[in-house]
Amino acid sequence: LMWKRCSEGQTWDLVKDVCVNIAKTFS
């Protein structure tokens, strides 16, 4: 399986190797 490293609402910062922004919640 291939996973997204970040939760939805976040974006991957390639330079810093981190997820930025806050994850969103969904029904």
PDB file of all heavy atoms in Angstrom:
ATOM      1  N   LEU A   1       0.830  -1.199   0.000  1.00  0.00           N
ATOM      2  CA  LEU A   1       0.000   0.000   0.000  1.00  0.00           C
ATOM      3  C   LEU A   1       0.870   1.256   0.000  1.00  0.00           C
ATOM      4  O   LEU A   1       1.891   1.316   0.687  1.00  0.00           O
ATOM      5  CB  LEU A   1      -0.904   0.021   1.237  1.00  0.00           C
ATOM      6  CG  LEU A   1      -1.876  -1.152   1.362  1.00  0.00           C
ATOM      7  CD1 LEU A   1      -2.563  -1.129   2.722  1.00  0.00           C
ATOM      8  CD2 LEU A   1      -2.897  -1.122   0.230  1.00  0.00           C
ATOM      9  N   MET A   2       0.450   2.254  -0.761  1.00  0.00           N
ATOM     10  CA  MET A   2       1.113   3.556  -0.755  1.00  0.00           C
ATOM     11  C   MET A   2       0.221   4.536   0.004  1.00  0.00           C
ATOM     12  O   MET A   2      -0.948   4.721  -0.346  1.00  0.00           O
ATOM     13  CB  MET A   2       1.349   4.079  -2.169  1.00  0.00           C
ATOM     14  CG  MET A   2       1.986   5.471  -2.171  1.00  0.00           C
ATOM     15  SD  MET A   2       2.184   6.147  -3.839  1.00  0.00           S
ATOM     16  CE  MET A   2       3.636   5.237  -4.345  1.00  0.00           C
ATOM     17  N   TRP A   3       0.783   5.155   1.035  1.00  0.00           N
ATOM     18  CA  TRP A   3       0.053   6.088   1.894  1.00  0.00           C
ATOM     19  C   TRP A   3       0.496   7.511   1.622  1.00  0.00           C
ATOM     20  O   TRP A   3       1.670   7.759   1.343  1.00  0.00           O
ATOM     21  CB  TRP A   3       0.348   5.779   3.367  1.00  0.00           C
ATOM     22  CG  TRP A   3      -0.170   4.467   3.826  1.00  0.00           C
ATOM     23  CD1 TRP A   3       0.466   3.258   3.765  1.00  0.00           C
ATOM     24  CD2 TRP A   3      -1.430   4.212   4.420  1.00  0.00           C
ATOM     25  NE1 TRP A   3      -0.319   2.268   4.290  1.00  0.00           N
ATOM     26  CE2 TRP A   3      -1.494   2.828   4.707  1.00  0.00           C
ATOM     27  CE3 TRP A   3      -2.522   5.026   4.758  1.00  0.00           C
ATOM     28  CZ2 TRP A   3      -2.604   2.246   5.298  1.00  0.00           C
ATOM     29  CZ3 TRP A   3      -3.622   4.435   5.343  1.00  0.00           C
ATOM     30  CH2 TRP A   3      -3.661   3.063   5.618  1.00  0.00           C
ATOM     31  N   LYS A   4      -0.427   8.446   1.775  1.00  0.00           N
ATOM     32  CA  LYS A   4      -0.033   9.853   1.824  1.00  0.00           C
ATOM     33  C   LYS A   4       0.592  10.080   3.195  1.00  0.00           C
ATOM     34  O   LYS A   4       0.058   9.620   4.211  1.00  0.00           O
ATOM     35  CB  LYS A   4      -1.241  10.766   1.624  1.00  0.00           C
ATOM     36  CG  LYS A   4      -1.732  10.766   0.189  1.00  0.00           C
ATOM     37  CD  LYS A   4      -2.946  11.644   0.015  1.00  0.00           C
ATOM     38  CE  LYS A   4      -2.570  13.074  -0.261  1.00  0.00           C
ATOM     39  NZ  LYS A   4      -3.748  13.885  -0.634  1.00  0.00           N
ATOM     40  N   ARG A   5       1.738  10.755   3.234  1.00  0.00           N
ATOM     41  CA  ARG A   5       2.393  11.004   4.512  1.00  0.00           C
ATOM     42  C   ARG A   5       1.613  12.008   5.353  1.00  0.00           C
ATOM     43  O   ARG A   5       1.678  11.981   6.579  1.00  0.00           O
ATOM     44  CB  ARG A   5       3.826  11.495   4.290  1.00  0.00           C
ATOM     45  CG  ARG A   5       4.693  10.418   3.633  1.00  0.00           C
ATOM     46  CD  ARG A   5       6.118  10.839   3.516  1.00  0.00           C
ATOM     47  NE  ARG A   5       6.733  10.799   4.835  1.00  0.00           N
ATOM     48  CZ  ARG A   5       7.985  11.195   5.068  1.00  0.00           C
ATOM     49  NH1 ARG A   5       8.737  11.650   4.091  1.00  0.00           N
ATOM     50  NH2 ARG A   5       8.478  11.125   6.290  1.00  0.00           N
ATOM     51  N   CYS A   6       0.892  12.901   4.697  1.00  0.00           N
ATOM     52  CA  CYS A   6       0.142  13.952   5.395  1.00  0.00           C
ATOM     53  C   CYS A   6      -1.342  13.611   5.445  1.00  0.00           C
ATOM     54  O   CYS A   6      -1.876  12.958   4.553  1.00  0.00           O
ATOM     55  CB  CYS A   6       0.311  15.277   4.668  1.00  0.00           C
ATOM     56  SG  CYS A   6       2.020  15.837   4.545  1.00  0.00           S
ATOM     57  N   SER A   7      -1.982  14.090   6.482  1.00  0.00           N
ATOM     58  CA  SER A   7      -3.436  13.992   6.597  1.00  0.00           C
ATOM     59  C   SER A   7      -4.062  14.989   5.624  1.00  0.00           C
ATOM     60  O   SER A   7      -3.423  15.973   5.221  1.00  0.00           O
ATOM     61  CB  SER A   7      -3.869  14.338   8.024  1.00  0.00           C
ATOM     62  OG  SER A   7      -3.235  13.486   8.953  1.00  0.00           O
ATOM     63  N   GLU A   8      -5.309  14.736   5.253  1.00  0.00           N
ATOM     64  CA  GLU A   8      -5.992  15.669   4.361  1.00  0.00           C
ATOM     65  C   GLU A   8      -6.126  17.039   5.039  1.00  0.00           C
ATOM     66  O   GLU A   8      -6.412  17.123   6.222  1.00  0.00           O
ATOM     67  CB  GLU A   8      -7.363  15.129   3.945  1.00  0.00           C
ATOM     68  CG  GLU A   8      -7.257  13.941   3.016  1.00  0.00           C
ATOM     69  CD  GLU A   8      -6.433  14.261   1.775  1.00  0.00           C
ATOM     70  OE1 GLU A   8      -6.835  15.134   0.992  1.00  0.00           O
ATOM     71  OE2 GLU A   8      -5.373  13.623   1.584  1.00  0.00           O
ATOM     72  N   GLY A   9      -5.898  18.077   4.260  1.00  0.00           N
ATOM     73  CA  GLY A   9      -5.860  19.443   4.785  1.00  0.00           C
ATOM     74  C   GLY A   9      -4.436  19.931   4.970  1.00  0.00           C
ATOM     75  O   GLY A   9      -4.181  21.125   5.028  1.00  0.00           O
ATOM     76  N   GLN A  10      -3.493  18.989   5.073  1.00  0.00           N
ATOM     77  CA  GLN A  10      -2.078  19.320   5.175  1.00  0.00           C
ATOM     78  C   GLN A  10      -1.432  19.179   3.798  1.00  0.00           C
ATOM     79  O   GLN A  10      -1.967  18.504   2.920  1.00  0.00           O
ATOM     80  CB  GLN A  10      -1.360  18.381   6.148  1.00  0.00           C
ATOM     81  CG  GLN A  10      -1.863  18.459   7.567  1.00  0.00           C
ATOM     82  CD  GLN A  10      -1.180  17.439   8.459  1.00  0.00           C
ATOM     83  OE1 GLN A  10      -1.052  16.276   8.088  1.00  0.00           O
ATOM     84  NE2 GLN A  10      -0.757  17.874   9.618  1.00  0.00           N
ATOM     85  N   THR A  11      -0.285  19.804   3.619  1.00  0.00           N
ATOM     86  CA  THR A  11       0.486  19.652   2.391  1.00  0.00           C
ATOM     87  C   THR A  11       1.909  19.255   2.745  1.00  0.00           C
ATOM     88  O   THR A  11       2.422  19.599   3.819  1.00  0.00           O
ATOM     89  CB  THR A  11       0.496  20.943   1.550  1.00  0.00           C
ATOM     90  OG1 THR A  11       0.937  22.025   2.366  1.00  0.00           O
ATOM     91  CG2 THR A  11      -0.879  21.259   1.002  1.00  0.00           C
ATOM     92  N   TRP A  12       2.531  18.516   1.834  1.00  0.00           N
ATOM     93  CA  TRP A  12       3.887  18.027   2.041  1.00  0.00           C
ATOM     94  C   TRP A  12       4.879  19.117   1.666  1.00  0.00           C
ATOM     95  O   TRP A  12       4.848  19.649   0.572  1.00  0.00           O
ATOM     96  CB  TRP A  12       4.126  16.765   1.208  1.00  0.00           C
ATOM     97  CG  TRP A  12       5.495  16.215   1.370  1.00  0.00           C
ATOM     98  CD1 TRP A  12       6.477  16.158   0.424  1.00  0.00           C
ATOM     99  CD2 TRP A  12       6.066  15.660   2.559  1.00  0.00           C
ATOM    100  NE1 TRP A  12       7.615  15.601   0.946  1.00  0.00           N
ATOM    101  CE2 TRP A  12       7.382  15.282   2.259  1.00  0.00           C
ATOM    102  CE3 TRP A  12       5.578  15.447   3.843  1.00  0.00           C
ATOM    103  CZ2 TRP A  12       8.217  14.701   3.199  1.00  0.00           C
ATOM    104  CZ3 TRP A  12       6.416  14.872   4.774  1.00  0.00           C
ATOM    105  CH2 TRP A  12       7.715  14.507   4.456  1.00  0.00           C
ATOM    106  N   ASP A  13       5.775  19.464   2.606  1.00  0.00           N
ATOM    107  CA  ASP A  13       6.852  20.428   2.360  1.00  0.00           C
ATOM    108  C   ASP A  13       8.119  19.637   2.079  1.00  0.00           C
ATOM    109  O   ASP A  13       8.750  19.109   2.997  1.00  0.00           O
ATOM    110  CB  ASP A  13       7.024  21.347   3.564  1.00  0.00           C
ATOM    111  CG  ASP A  13       8.048  22.449   3.335  1.00  0.00           C
ATOM    112  OD1 ASP A  13       9.063  22.190   2.641  1.00  0.00           O
ATOM    113  OD2 ASP A  13       7.851  23.554   3.855  1.00  0.00           O
ATOM    114  N   LEU A  14       8.482  19.538   0.811  1.00  0.00           N
ATOM    115  CA  LEU A  14       9.619  18.747   0.368  1.00  0.00           C
ATOM    116  C   LEU A  14      10.934  19.241   0.968  1.00  0.00           C
ATOM    117  O   LEU A  14      11.799  18.444   1.323  1.00  0.00           O
ATOM    118  CB  LEU A  14       9.697  18.785  -1.165  1.00  0.00           C
ATOM    119  CG  LEU A  14      10.845  18.051  -1.825  1.00  0.00           C
ATOM    120  CD1 LEU A  14      10.801  16.571  -1.496  1.00  0.00           C
ATOM    121  CD2 LEU A  14      10.795  18.258  -3.331  1.00  0.00           C
ATOM    122  N   VAL A  15      11.063  20.559   1.111  1.00  0.00           N
ATOM    123  CA  VAL A  15      12.304  21.138   1.614  1.00  0.00           C
ATOM    124  C   VAL A  15      12.515  20.800   3.088  1.00  0.00           C
ATOM    125  O   VAL A  15      13.592  20.368   3.500  1.00  0.00           O
ATOM    126  CB  VAL A  15      12.327  22.672   1.390  1.00  0.00           C
ATOM    127  CG1 VAL A  15      13.570  23.293   2.014  1.00  0.00           C
ATOM    128  CG2 VAL A  15      12.256  22.978  -0.108  1.00  0.00           C
ATOM    129  N   LYS A  16      11.458  20.967   3.874  1.00  0.00           N
ATOM    130  CA  LYS A  16      11.562  20.736   5.321  1.00  0.00           C
ATOM    131  C   LYS A  16      11.252  19.299   5.722  1.00  0.00           C
ATOM    132  O   LYS A  16      11.429  18.926   6.871  1.00  0.00           O
ATOM    133  CB  LYS A  16      10.638  21.692   6.070  1.00  0.00           C
ATOM    134  CG  LYS A  16      11.036  23.148   5.899  1.00  0.00           C
ATOM    135  CD  LYS A  16      10.098  24.059   6.658  1.00  0.00           C
ATOM    136  CE  LYS A  16      10.487  25.510   6.461  1.00  0.00           C
ATOM    137  NZ  LYS A  16       9.464  26.422   6.987  1.00  0.00           N
ATOM    138  N   ASP A  17      10.752  18.483   4.774  1.00  0.00           N
ATOM    139  CA  ASP A  17      10.426  17.085   5.027  1.00  0.00           C
ATOM    140  C   ASP A  17       9.376  16.949   6.135  1.00  0.00           C
ATOM    141  O   ASP A  17       9.506  16.110   7.032  1.00  0.00           O
ATOM    142  CB  ASP A  17      11.714  16.308   5.388  1.00  0.00           C
ATOM    143  CG  ASP A  17      11.623  14.834   5.048  1.00  0.00           C
ATOM    144  OD1 ASP A  17      10.997  14.495   4.022  1.00  0.00           O
ATOM    145  OD2 ASP A  17      12.162  14.025   5.809  1.00  0.00           O
ATOM    146  N   VAL A  18       8.351  17.802   6.066  1.00  0.00           N
ATOM    147  CA  VAL A  18       7.273  17.789   7.059  1.00  0.00           C
ATOM    148  C   VAL A  18       5.931  18.092   6.386  1.00  0.00           C
ATOM    149  O   VAL A  18       5.888  18.579   5.267  1.00  0.00           O
ATOM    150  CB  VAL A  18       7.492  18.842   8.183  1.00  0.00           C
ATOM    151  CG1 VAL A  18       8.732  18.543   8.992  1.00  0.00           C
ATOM    152  CG2 VAL A  18       7.536  20.250   7.616  1.00  0.00           C
ATOM    153  N   CYS A  19       4.873  17.800   7.117  1.00  0.00           N
ATOM    154  CA  CYS A  19       3.530  18.202   6.705  1.00  0.00           C
ATOM    155  C   CYS A  19       3.240  19.568   7.310  1.00  0.00           C
ATOM    156  O   CYS A  19       3.510  19.787   8.489  1.00  0.00           O
ATOM    157  CB  CYS A  19       2.492  17.197   7.198  1.00  0.00           C
ATOM    158  SG  CYS A  19       2.731  15.537   6.534  1.00  0.00           S
ATOM    159  N   VAL A  20       2.715  20.461   6.509  1.00  0.00           N
ATOM    160  CA  VAL A  20       2.377  21.797   6.994  1.00  0.00           C
ATOM    161  C   VAL A  20       0.870  21.989   6.941  1.00  0.00           C
ATOM    162  O   VAL A  20       0.164  21.264   6.241  1.00  0.00           O
ATOM    163  CB  VAL A  20       3.117  22.903   6.189  1.00  0.00           C
ATOM    164  CG1 VAL A  20       4.616  22.804   6.414  1.00  0.00           C
ATOM    165  CG2 VAL A  20       2.800  22.824   4.706  1.00  0.00           C
ATOM    166  N   ASN A  21       0.400  22.951   7.680  1.00  0.00           N
ATOM    167  CA  ASN A  21      -1.018  23.272   7.849  1.00  0.00           C
ATOM    168  C   ASN A  21      -1.660  22.287   8.833  1.00  0.00           C
ATOM    169  O   ASN A  21      -1.028  21.357   9.301  1.00  0.00           O
ATOM    170  CB  ASN A  21      -1.781  23.301   6.521  1.00  0.00           C
ATOM    171  CG  ASN A  21      -1.177  24.296   5.544  1.00  0.00           C
ATOM    172  OD1 ASN A  21      -0.782  25.379   5.943  1.00  0.00           O
ATOM    173  ND2 ASN A  21      -1.104  23.920   4.286  1.00  0.00           N
ATOM    174  N   ILE A  22      -2.931  22.515   9.113  1.00  0.00           N
ATOM    175  CA  ILE A  22      -3.670  21.736  10.097  1.00  0.00           C
ATOM    176  C   ILE A  22      -4.564  20.737   9.357  1.00  0.00           C
ATOM    177  O   ILE A  22      -5.208  21.091   8.372  1.00  0.00           O
ATOM    178  CB  ILE A  22      -4.561  22.660  10.966  1.00  0.00           C
ATOM    179  CG1 ILE A  22      -3.734  23.766  11.602  1.00  0.00           C
ATOM    180  CG2 ILE A  22      -5.327  21.848  12.012  1.00  0.00           C
ATOM    181  CD1 ILE A  22      -2.914  23.358  12.778  1.00  0.00           C
ATOM    182  N   ALA A  23      -4.595  19.505   9.840  1.00  0.00           N
ATOM    183  CA  ALA A  23      -5.482  18.502   9.256  1.00  0.00           C
ATOM    184  C   ALA A  23      -6.933  18.941   9.422  1.00  0.00           C
ATOM    185  O   ALA A  23      -7.303  19.507  10.446  1.00  0.00           O
ATOM    186  CB  ALA A  23      -5.257  17.150   9.924  1.00  0.00           C
ATOM    187  N   LYS A  24      -7.728  18.674   8.393  1.00  0.00           N
ATOM    188  CA  LYS A  24      -9.156  18.981   8.444  1.00  0.00           C
ATOM    189  C   LYS A  24      -9.910  17.757   8.942  1.00  0.00           C
ATOM    190  O   LYS A  24      -9.473  16.627   8.743  1.00  0.00           O
ATOM    191  CB  LYS A  24      -9.669  19.340   7.049  1.00  0.00           C
ATOM    192  CG  LYS A  24      -9.093  20.628   6.508  1.00  0.00           C
ATOM    193  CD  LYS A  24      -9.646  20.917   5.125  1.00  0.00           C
ATOM    194  CE  LYS A  24      -9.050  22.208   4.588  1.00  0.00           C
ATOM    195  NZ  LYS A  24      -9.380  22.427   3.175  1.00  0.00           N
ATOM    196  N   THR A  25     -11.061  17.990   9.551  1.00  0.00           N
ATOM    197  CA  THR A  25     -11.932  16.880   9.936  1.00  0.00           C
ATOM    198  C   THR A  25     -13.098  16.819   8.960  1.00  0.00           C
ATOM    199  O   THR A  25     -13.506  17.835   8.394  1.00  0.00           O
ATOM    200  CB  THR A  25     -12.447  17.018  11.377  1.00  0.00           C
ATOM    201  OG1 THR A  25     -13.186  18.228  11.490  1.00  0.00           O
ATOM    202  CG2 THR A  25     -11.294  17.017  12.374  1.00  0.00           C
ATOM    203  N   PHE A  26     -13.591  15.618   8.765  1.00  0.00           N
ATOM    204  CA  PHE A  26     -14.650  15.353   7.799  1.00  0.00           C
ATOM    205  C   PHE A  26     -15.675  14.425   8.430  1.00  0.00           C
ATOM    206  O   PHE A  26     -15.311  13.560   9.220  1.00  0.00           O
ATOM    207  CB  PHE A  26     -14.081  14.627   6.565  1.00  0.00           C
ATOM    208  CG  PHE A  26     -13.033  15.405   5.813  1.00  0.00           C
ATOM    209  CD1 PHE A  26     -11.700  15.350   6.212  1.00  0.00           C
ATOM    210  CD2 PHE A  26     -13.369  16.170   4.717  1.00  0.00           C
ATOM    211  CE1 PHE A  26     -10.730  16.064   5.517  1.00  0.00           C
ATOM    212  CE2 PHE A  26     -12.398  16.883   4.019  1.00  0.00           C
ATOM    213  CZ  PHE A  26     -11.076  16.825   4.419  1.00  0.00           C
ATOM    214  N   SER A  27     -16.939  14.559   8.018  1.00  0.00           N
ATOM    215  CA  SER A  27     -17.912  13.512   8.315  1.00  0.00           C
ATOM    216  C   SER A  27     -17.511  12.294   7.491  1.00  0.00           C
ATOM    217  O   SER A  27     -16.683  12.394   6.571  1.00  0.00           O
ATOM    218  CB  SER A  27     -19.326  13.964   7.927  1.00  0.00           C
ATOM    219  OG  SER A  27     -19.438  14.048   6.503  1.00  0.00           O
TER     220      SER A  27
END
